[in-house]
């Protein structure tokens, strides 16, 4: 598996995508710079993705800054927070429960998130989605941004669906299943295709977008 590690890998992927699907050429031109968005694998990386689900980028940043201000972003530190401290972060009840369960799994040695990031996609997805509150979108985004996996495509992402509809002149947002089928031609660079469509979404539809789950 060829891991995405730097901006050069993104450029290689974009060139391959332009060859695989010429419809992406104007999308690449319109999108502008395609961010790498790599973060370190581990509890902090997965926790940030969980925090970022279904909220604005500004809200996610505010919540994450409060978590970071409370101490090191480790599983053990999170488990040591008092309920009042966790309440002050601004997490929804569901996200607070997910983070607590993930933190316990990491601290108890039930899951090694660094090791998971290096696994083959199918095994990694199974391991991640076995964690309480971690669904396919969260697992896919973790593998993309914390593991550098090159061929992951979170087709349930609302922004990706909207970007595809806008870019390809579709009558409406495609379903997750339909978008996944559309993305098959972009193998083995679907993670770069997802980054491209997010960048296109930011440039052509609205600014400052972060990945969002459907």
C-alpha atoms as a PDB file:
ATOM      1  CA  UNK A   1       0.000   0.000   0.000  1.00  0.00           C
ATOM      2  CA  UNK A   2       1.440   3.360  -1.079  1.00  0.00           C
ATOM      3  CA  UNK A   3       0.928   5.721   1.860  1.00  0.00           C
ATOM      4  CA  UNK A   4       0.210   9.431   1.306  1.00  0.00           C
ATOM      5  CA  UNK A   5       2.892  11.295   3.227  1.00  0.00           C
ATOM      6  CA  UNK A   6       3.337  14.727   1.654  1.00  0.00           C
ATOM      7  CA  UNK A   7       2.171  17.286  -0.913  1.00  0.00           C
ATOM      8  CA  UNK A   8       4.111  15.519  -3.666  1.00  0.00           C
ATOM      9  CA  UNK A   9       1.985  12.423  -3.161  1.00  0.00           C
ATOM     10  CA  UNK A  10      -1.133  14.565  -3.556  1.00  0.00           C
ATOM     11  CA  UNK A  11       0.200  15.923  -6.850  1.00  0.00           C
ATOM     12  CA  UNK A  12       0.959  12.418  -8.104  1.00  0.00           C
ATOM     13  CA  UNK A  13      -2.567  11.403  -7.196  1.00  0.00           C
ATOM     14  CA  UNK A  14      -4.124  14.402  -8.937  1.00  0.00           C
ATOM     15  CA  UNK A  15      -2.189  13.683 -12.124  1.00  0.00           C
ATOM     16  CA  UNK A  16      -3.356  10.076 -12.035  1.00  0.00           C
ATOM     17  CA  UNK A  17      -6.962  11.138 -11.445  1.00  0.00           C
ATOM     18  CA  UNK A  18      -6.878  13.532 -14.400  1.00  0.00           C
ATOM     19  CA  UNK A  19      -5.809  10.618 -16.575  1.00  0.00           C
ATOM     20  CA  UNK A  20      -8.314   8.156 -15.093  1.00  0.00           C
ATOM     21  CA  UNK A  21     -11.284  10.527 -15.402  1.00  0.00           C
ATOM     22  CA  UNK A  22     -10.929  13.581 -17.694  1.00  0.00           C
ATOM     23  CA  UNK A  23     -14.064  15.069 -16.091  1.00  0.00           C
ATOM     24  CA  UNK A  24     -11.866  15.859 -13.097  1.00  0.00           C
ATOM     25  CA  UNK A  25      -9.537  18.150 -15.057  1.00  0.00           C
ATOM     26  CA  UNK A  26     -11.765  21.263 -14.710  1.00  0.00           C
ATOM     27  CA  UNK A  27     -12.477  20.277 -11.099  1.00  0.00           C
ATOM     28  CA  UNK A  28      -8.740  20.260 -10.376  1.00  0.00           C
ATOM     29  CA  UNK A  29      -8.391  23.664 -12.026  1.00  0.00           C
ATOM     30  CA  UNK A  30     -11.303  25.142 -10.071  1.00  0.00           C
ATOM     31  CA  UNK A  31     -10.393  23.639  -6.699  1.00  0.00           C
ATOM     32  CA  UNK A  32      -7.052  25.365  -6.226  1.00  0.00           C
ATOM     33  CA  UNK A  33      -4.589  23.897  -3.722  1.00  0.00           C
ATOM     34  CA  UNK A  34      -5.667  20.508  -2.377  1.00  0.00           C
ATOM     35  CA  UNK A  35      -4.761  20.266   1.334  1.00  0.00           C
ATOM     36  CA  UNK A  36      -2.786  17.318   2.659  1.00  0.00           C
ATOM     37  CA  UNK A  37      -4.579  17.337   6.046  1.00  0.00           C
ATOM     38  CA  UNK A  38      -2.433  14.649   7.672  1.00  0.00           C
ATOM     39  CA  UNK A  39      -2.400  14.366  11.454  1.00  0.00           C
ATOM     40  CA  UNK A  40      -0.671  11.914  13.776  1.00  0.00           C
ATOM     41  CA  UNK A  41      -2.372   8.577  14.321  1.00  0.00           C
ATOM     42  CA  UNK A  42      -3.589   7.803  17.819  1.00  0.00           C
ATOM     43  CA  UNK A  43      -6.251   8.829  20.311  1.00  0.00           C
ATOM     44  CA  UNK A  44      -5.888  12.553  19.629  1.00  0.00           C
ATOM     45  CA  UNK A  45      -6.328  12.088  15.888  1.00  0.00           C
ATOM     46  CA  UNK A  46      -9.460   9.963  16.231  1.00  0.00           C
ATOM     47  CA  UNK A  47     -10.842  12.208  18.970  1.00  0.00           C
ATOM     48  CA  UNK A  48     -10.518  15.283  16.771  1.00  0.00           C
ATOM     49  CA  UNK A  49     -12.400  13.549  13.949  1.00  0.00           C
ATOM     50  CA  UNK A  50     -15.187  12.582  16.366  1.00  0.00           C
ATOM     51  CA  UNK A  51     -15.372  16.168  17.652  1.00  0.00           C
ATOM     52  CA  UNK A  52     -15.549  17.493  14.084  1.00  0.00           C
ATOM     53  CA  UNK A  53     -18.564  15.447  13.001  1.00  0.00           C
ATOM     54  CA  UNK A  54     -21.697  17.372  11.973  1.00  0.00           C
ATOM     55  CA  UNK A  55     -20.551  20.742  13.338  1.00  0.00           C
ATOM     56  CA  UNK A  56     -19.003  23.770  11.679  1.00  0.00           C
ATOM     57  CA  UNK A  57     -15.241  24.002  11.422  1.00  0.00           C
ATOM     58  CA  UNK A  58     -15.285  26.941  13.861  1.00  0.00           C
ATOM     59  CA  UNK A  59     -17.348  25.010  16.427  1.00  0.00           C
ATOM     60  CA  UNK A  60     -15.100  21.962  16.136  1.00  0.00           C
ATOM     61  CA  UNK A  61     -12.008  24.136  16.640  1.00  0.00           C
ATOM     62  CA  UNK A  62     -13.520  25.788  19.717  1.00  0.00           C
ATOM     63  CA  UNK A  63     -14.414  22.453  21.323  1.00  0.00           C
ATOM     64  CA  UNK A  64     -11.031  20.960  20.467  1.00  0.00           C
ATOM     65  CA  UNK A  65      -9.188  23.959  21.911  1.00  0.00           C
ATOM     66  CA  UNK A  66     -11.070  23.520  25.201  1.00  0.00           C
ATOM     67  CA  UNK A  67     -10.144  19.831  25.297  1.00  0.00           C
ATOM     68  CA  UNK A  68      -6.486  20.625  24.601  1.00  0.00           C
ATOM     69  CA  UNK A  69      -6.453  23.363  27.256  1.00  0.00           C
ATOM     70  CA  UNK A  70      -7.571  20.828  29.867  1.00  0.00           C
ATOM     71  CA  UNK A  71      -4.421  18.744  29.453  1.00  0.00           C
ATOM     72  CA  UNK A  72      -2.570  16.397  27.068  1.00  0.00           C
ATOM     73  CA  UNK A  73      -4.905  14.835  24.530  1.00  0.00           C
ATOM     74  CA  UNK A  74      -4.288  11.259  25.600  1.00  0.00           C
ATOM     75  CA  UNK A  75      -6.776   8.560  26.481  1.00  0.00           C
ATOM     76  CA  UNK A  76      -5.561   8.470  30.056  1.00  0.00           C
ATOM     77  CA  UNK A  77      -5.906  12.221  30.507  1.00  0.00           C
ATOM     78  CA  UNK A  78      -9.395  12.237  29.026  1.00  0.00           C
ATOM     79  CA  UNK A  79     -10.502   9.463  31.396  1.00  0.00           C
ATOM     80  CA  UNK A  80      -9.143  11.462  34.318  1.00  0.00           C
ATOM     81  CA  UNK A  81     -11.298  14.517  33.663  1.00  0.00           C
ATOM     82  CA  UNK A  82     -14.096  15.272  36.083  1.00  0.00           C
ATOM     83  CA  UNK A  83     -17.649  15.240  34.674  1.00  0.00           C
ATOM     84  CA  UNK A  84     -17.845  19.020  35.072  1.00  0.00           C
ATOM     85  CA  UNK A  85     -14.693  19.429  32.991  1.00  0.00           C
ATOM     86  CA  UNK A  86     -16.052  17.229  30.207  1.00  0.00           C
ATOM     87  CA  UNK A  87     -19.351  19.123  30.309  1.00  0.00           C
ATOM     88  CA  UNK A  88     -17.434  22.373  29.793  1.00  0.00           C
ATOM     89  CA  UNK A  89     -16.036  21.160  26.454  1.00  0.00           C
ATOM     90  CA  UNK A  90     -19.374  21.619  24.685  1.00  0.00           C
ATOM     91  CA  UNK A  91     -19.633  18.075  23.356  1.00  0.00           C
ATOM     92  CA  UNK A  92     -22.976  16.514  22.571  1.00  0.00           C
ATOM     93  CA  UNK A  93     -23.970  13.645  24.851  1.00  0.00           C
ATOM     94  CA  UNK A  94     -23.331  11.144  22.041  1.00  0.00           C
ATOM     95  CA  UNK A  95     -19.845  12.469  21.296  1.00  0.00           C
ATOM     96  CA  UNK A  96     -18.913  12.565  24.973  1.00  0.00           C
ATOM     97  CA  UNK A  97     -20.002   8.931  25.309  1.00  0.00           C
ATOM     98  CA  UNK A  98     -18.049   7.920  22.195  1.00  0.00           C
ATOM     99  CA  UNK A  99     -14.881   9.639  23.371  1.00  0.00           C
ATOM    100  CA  UNK A 100     -15.167   8.006  26.792  1.00  0.00           C
ATOM    101  CA  UNK A 101     -15.590   4.547  25.280  1.00  0.00           C
ATOM    102  CA  UNK A 102     -12.721   5.048  22.810  1.00  0.00           C
ATOM    103  CA  UNK A 103     -10.476   6.382  25.576  1.00  0.00           C
ATOM    104  CA  UNK A 104     -11.196   3.327  27.743  1.00  0.00           C
ATOM    105  CA  UNK A 105     -10.504   0.964  24.845  1.00  0.00           C
ATOM    106  CA  UNK A 106      -7.161   2.650  24.184  1.00  0.00           C
ATOM    107  CA  UNK A 107      -6.146   2.905  27.832  1.00  0.00           C
ATOM    108  CA  UNK A 108      -7.080  -0.739  28.486  1.00  0.00           C
ATOM    109  CA  UNK A 109      -5.052  -1.927  25.509  1.00  0.00           C
ATOM    110  CA  UNK A 110      -8.111  -3.183  23.631  1.00  0.00           C
ATOM    111  CA  UNK A 111      -7.098  -1.203  20.549  1.00  0.00           C
ATOM    112  CA  UNK A 112      -3.824   0.304  19.330  1.00  0.00           C
ATOM    113  CA  UNK A 113      -4.871   3.167  17.077  1.00  0.00           C
ATOM    114  CA  UNK A 114      -1.363   3.652  15.697  1.00  0.00           C
ATOM    115  CA  UNK A 115      -1.263   0.001  14.656  1.00  0.00           C
ATOM    116  CA  UNK A 116      -4.778   0.201  13.209  1.00  0.00           C
ATOM    117  CA  UNK A 117      -3.720   3.108  10.989  1.00  0.00           C
ATOM    118  CA  UNK A 118      -1.114   0.828   9.383  1.00  0.00           C
ATOM    119  CA  UNK A 119      -3.488  -2.075   8.725  1.00  0.00           C
ATOM    120  CA  UNK A 120      -4.999  -2.946   5.371  1.00  0.00           C
ATOM    121  CA  UNK A 121      -8.250  -1.010   4.877  1.00  0.00           C
ATOM    122  CA  UNK A 122     -10.762  -3.837   5.437  1.00  0.00           C
ATOM    123  CA  UNK A 123      -9.131  -4.993   8.670  1.00  0.00           C
ATOM    124  CA  UNK A 124      -8.690  -1.429   9.884  1.00  0.00           C
ATOM    125  CA  UNK A 125     -12.322  -0.548   9.163  1.00  0.00           C
ATOM    126  CA  UNK A 126     -13.515  -3.620  11.064  1.00  0.00           C
ATOM    127  CA  UNK A 127     -11.337  -2.759  14.051  1.00  0.00           C
ATOM    128  CA  UNK A 128     -12.427   0.882  14.161  1.00  0.00           C
ATOM    129  CA  UNK A 129     -16.139   0.332  13.639  1.00  0.00           C
ATOM    130  CA  UNK A 130     -16.105  -2.230  16.459  1.00  0.00           C
ATOM    131  CA  UNK A 131     -15.487   0.693  18.811  1.00  0.00           C
ATOM    132  CA  UNK A 132     -18.601   2.145  20.418  1.00  0.00           C
ATOM    133  CA  UNK A 133     -19.900   5.166  18.503  1.00  0.00           C
ATOM    134  CA  UNK A 134     -17.390   4.904  15.651  1.00  0.00           C
ATOM    135  CA  UNK A 135     -19.194   4.513  12.336  1.00  0.00           C
ATOM    136  CA  UNK A 136     -17.888   4.013   8.798  1.00  0.00           C
ATOM    137  CA  UNK A 137     -17.438   7.743   8.091  1.00  0.00           C
ATOM    138  CA  UNK A 138     -15.339   8.290  11.214  1.00  0.00           C
ATOM    139  CA  UNK A 139     -13.252   5.217  10.448  1.00  0.00           C
ATOM    140  CA  UNK A 140     -12.732   6.222   6.812  1.00  0.00           C
ATOM    141  CA  UNK A 141     -11.654   9.755   7.682  1.00  0.00           C
ATOM    142  CA  UNK A 142      -9.284   8.412  10.352  1.00  0.00           C
ATOM    143  CA  UNK A 143      -7.610   6.118   7.831  1.00  0.00           C
ATOM    144  CA  UNK A 144      -7.338   8.951   5.301  1.00  0.00           C
ATOM    145  CA  UNK A 145      -5.954  11.650   7.568  1.00  0.00           C
ATOM    146  CA  UNK A 146      -4.198   9.660  10.308  1.00  0.00           C
ATOM    147  CA  UNK A 147      -3.065   6.656   8.283  1.00  0.00           C
ATOM    148  CA  UNK A 148      -2.413   8.248   4.900  1.00  0.00           C
ATOM    149  CA  UNK A 149      -4.426   5.546   3.147  1.00  0.00           C
ATOM    150  CA  UNK A 150      -4.573   6.439  -0.559  1.00  0.00           C
ATOM    151  CA  UNK A 151      -7.764   4.689  -1.629  1.00  0.00           C
ATOM    152  CA  UNK A 152     -10.469   5.535   0.912  1.00  0.00           C
ATOM    153  CA  UNK A 153     -13.618   7.391  -0.127  1.00  0.00           C
ATOM    154  CA  UNK A 154     -16.237   8.392   2.494  1.00  0.00           C
ATOM    155  CA  UNK A 155     -19.193   8.479   0.136  1.00  0.00           C
ATOM    156  CA  UNK A 156     -21.624   9.268   2.955  1.00  0.00           C
ATOM    157  CA  UNK A 157     -20.065  12.704   3.366  1.00  0.00           C
ATOM    158  CA  UNK A 158     -22.602  15.442   2.544  1.00  0.00           C
ATOM    159  CA  UNK A 159     -19.990  17.867   1.213  1.00  0.00           C
ATOM    160  CA  UNK A 160     -18.558  15.232  -1.153  1.00  0.00           C
ATOM    161  CA  UNK A 161     -22.038  14.491  -2.434  1.00  0.00           C
ATOM    162  CA  UNK A 162     -22.776  18.193  -2.964  1.00  0.00           C
ATOM    163  CA  UNK A 163     -19.415  18.765  -4.647  1.00  0.00           C
ATOM    164  CA  UNK A 164     -19.963  15.866  -7.052  1.00  0.00           C
ATOM    165  CA  UNK A 165     -23.442  17.146  -7.932  1.00  0.00           C
ATOM    166  CA  UNK A 166     -22.107  20.638  -8.620  1.00  0.00           C
ATOM    167  CA  UNK A 167     -18.978  19.501 -10.479  1.00  0.00           C
ATOM    168  CA  UNK A 168     -20.721  17.008 -12.742  1.00  0.00           C
ATOM    169  CA  UNK A 169     -24.016  18.847 -13.263  1.00  0.00           C
ATOM    170  CA  UNK A 170     -26.154  16.248 -11.519  1.00  0.00           C
ATOM    171  CA  UNK A 171     -29.828  17.048 -10.785  1.00  0.00           C
ATOM    172  CA  UNK A 172     -29.283  16.554  -7.058  1.00  0.00           C
ATOM    173  CA  UNK A 173     -26.918  15.169  -4.465  1.00  0.00           C
ATOM    174  CA  UNK A 174     -26.102  11.534  -5.270  1.00  0.00           C
ATOM    175  CA  UNK A 175     -26.758   8.922  -2.610  1.00  0.00           C
ATOM    176  CA  UNK A 176     -23.816   7.451  -0.754  1.00  0.00           C
ATOM    177  CA  UNK A 177     -24.181   4.262  -2.780  1.00  0.00           C
ATOM    178  CA  UNK A 178     -24.340   6.126  -6.084  1.00  0.00           C
ATOM    179  CA  UNK A 179     -21.312   8.266  -5.220  1.00  0.00           C
ATOM    180  CA  UNK A 180     -19.351   5.190  -4.157  1.00  0.00           C
ATOM    181  CA  UNK A 181     -20.075   3.671  -7.553  1.00  0.00           C
ATOM    182  CA  UNK A 182     -18.995   6.869  -9.298  1.00  0.00           C
ATOM    183  CA  UNK A 183     -15.753   6.847  -7.312  1.00  0.00           C
ATOM    184  CA  UNK A 184     -14.736   3.362  -8.412  1.00  0.00           C
ATOM    185  CA  UNK A 185     -13.051   4.762 -11.514  1.00  0.00           C
ATOM    186  CA  UNK A 186     -10.788   6.857  -9.256  1.00  0.00           C
ATOM    187  CA  UNK A 187      -9.049   3.829  -7.741  1.00  0.00           C
ATOM    188  CA  UNK A 188      -6.350   3.618  -6.424  1.00  0.00           C
ATOM    189  CA  UNK A 189      -6.432   7.351  -5.585  1.00  0.00           C
ATOM    190  CA  UNK A 190      -9.879   7.781  -4.063  1.00  0.00           C
ATOM    191  CA  UNK A 191      -8.472   9.495  -0.969  1.00  0.00           C
ATOM    192  CA  UNK A 192      -6.995  12.187  -3.212  1.00  0.00           C
ATOM    193  CA  UNK A 193     -10.290  12.403  -5.106  1.00  0.00           C
ATOM    194  CA  UNK A 194     -12.067  13.029  -1.792  1.00  0.00           C
ATOM    195  CA  UNK A 195      -9.576  15.746  -0.857  1.00  0.00           C
ATOM    196  CA  UNK A 196     -10.051  17.265  -4.316  1.00  0.00           C
ATOM    197  CA  UNK A 197     -13.835  17.359  -4.005  1.00  0.00           C
ATOM    198  CA  UNK A 198     -13.624  18.895  -0.535  1.00  0.00           C
ATOM    199  CA  UNK A 199     -11.295  21.570  -1.909  1.00  0.00           C
ATOM    200  CA  UNK A 200     -13.650  22.116  -4.849  1.00  0.00           C
ATOM    201  CA  UNK A 201     -16.570  22.406  -2.436  1.00  0.00           C
ATOM    202  CA  UNK A 202     -14.723  25.083  -0.473  1.00  0.00           C
ATOM    203  CA  UNK A 203     -13.741  26.998  -3.592  1.00  0.00           C
ATOM    204  CA  UNK A 204     -16.968  26.744  -5.571  1.00  0.00           C
ATOM    205  CA  UNK A 205     -19.820  26.298  -3.108  1.00  0.00           C
ATOM    206  CA  UNK A 206     -18.839  27.689   0.291  1.00  0.00           C
ATOM    207  CA  UNK A 207     -15.673  28.574   2.113  1.00  0.00           C
ATOM    208  CA  UNK A 208     -13.767  26.914   4.930  1.00  0.00           C
ATOM    209  CA  UNK A 209     -15.263  23.459   4.750  1.00  0.00           C
ATOM    210  CA  UNK A 210     -14.283  20.525   6.891  1.00  0.00           C
ATOM    211  CA  UNK A 211     -15.332  16.950   6.192  1.00  0.00           C
ATOM    212  CA  UNK A 212     -18.885  16.390   7.456  1.00  0.00           C
ATOM    213  CA  UNK A 213     -20.807  13.171   7.838  1.00  0.00           C
ATOM    214  CA  UNK A 214     -24.155  12.560   6.272  1.00  0.00           C
END
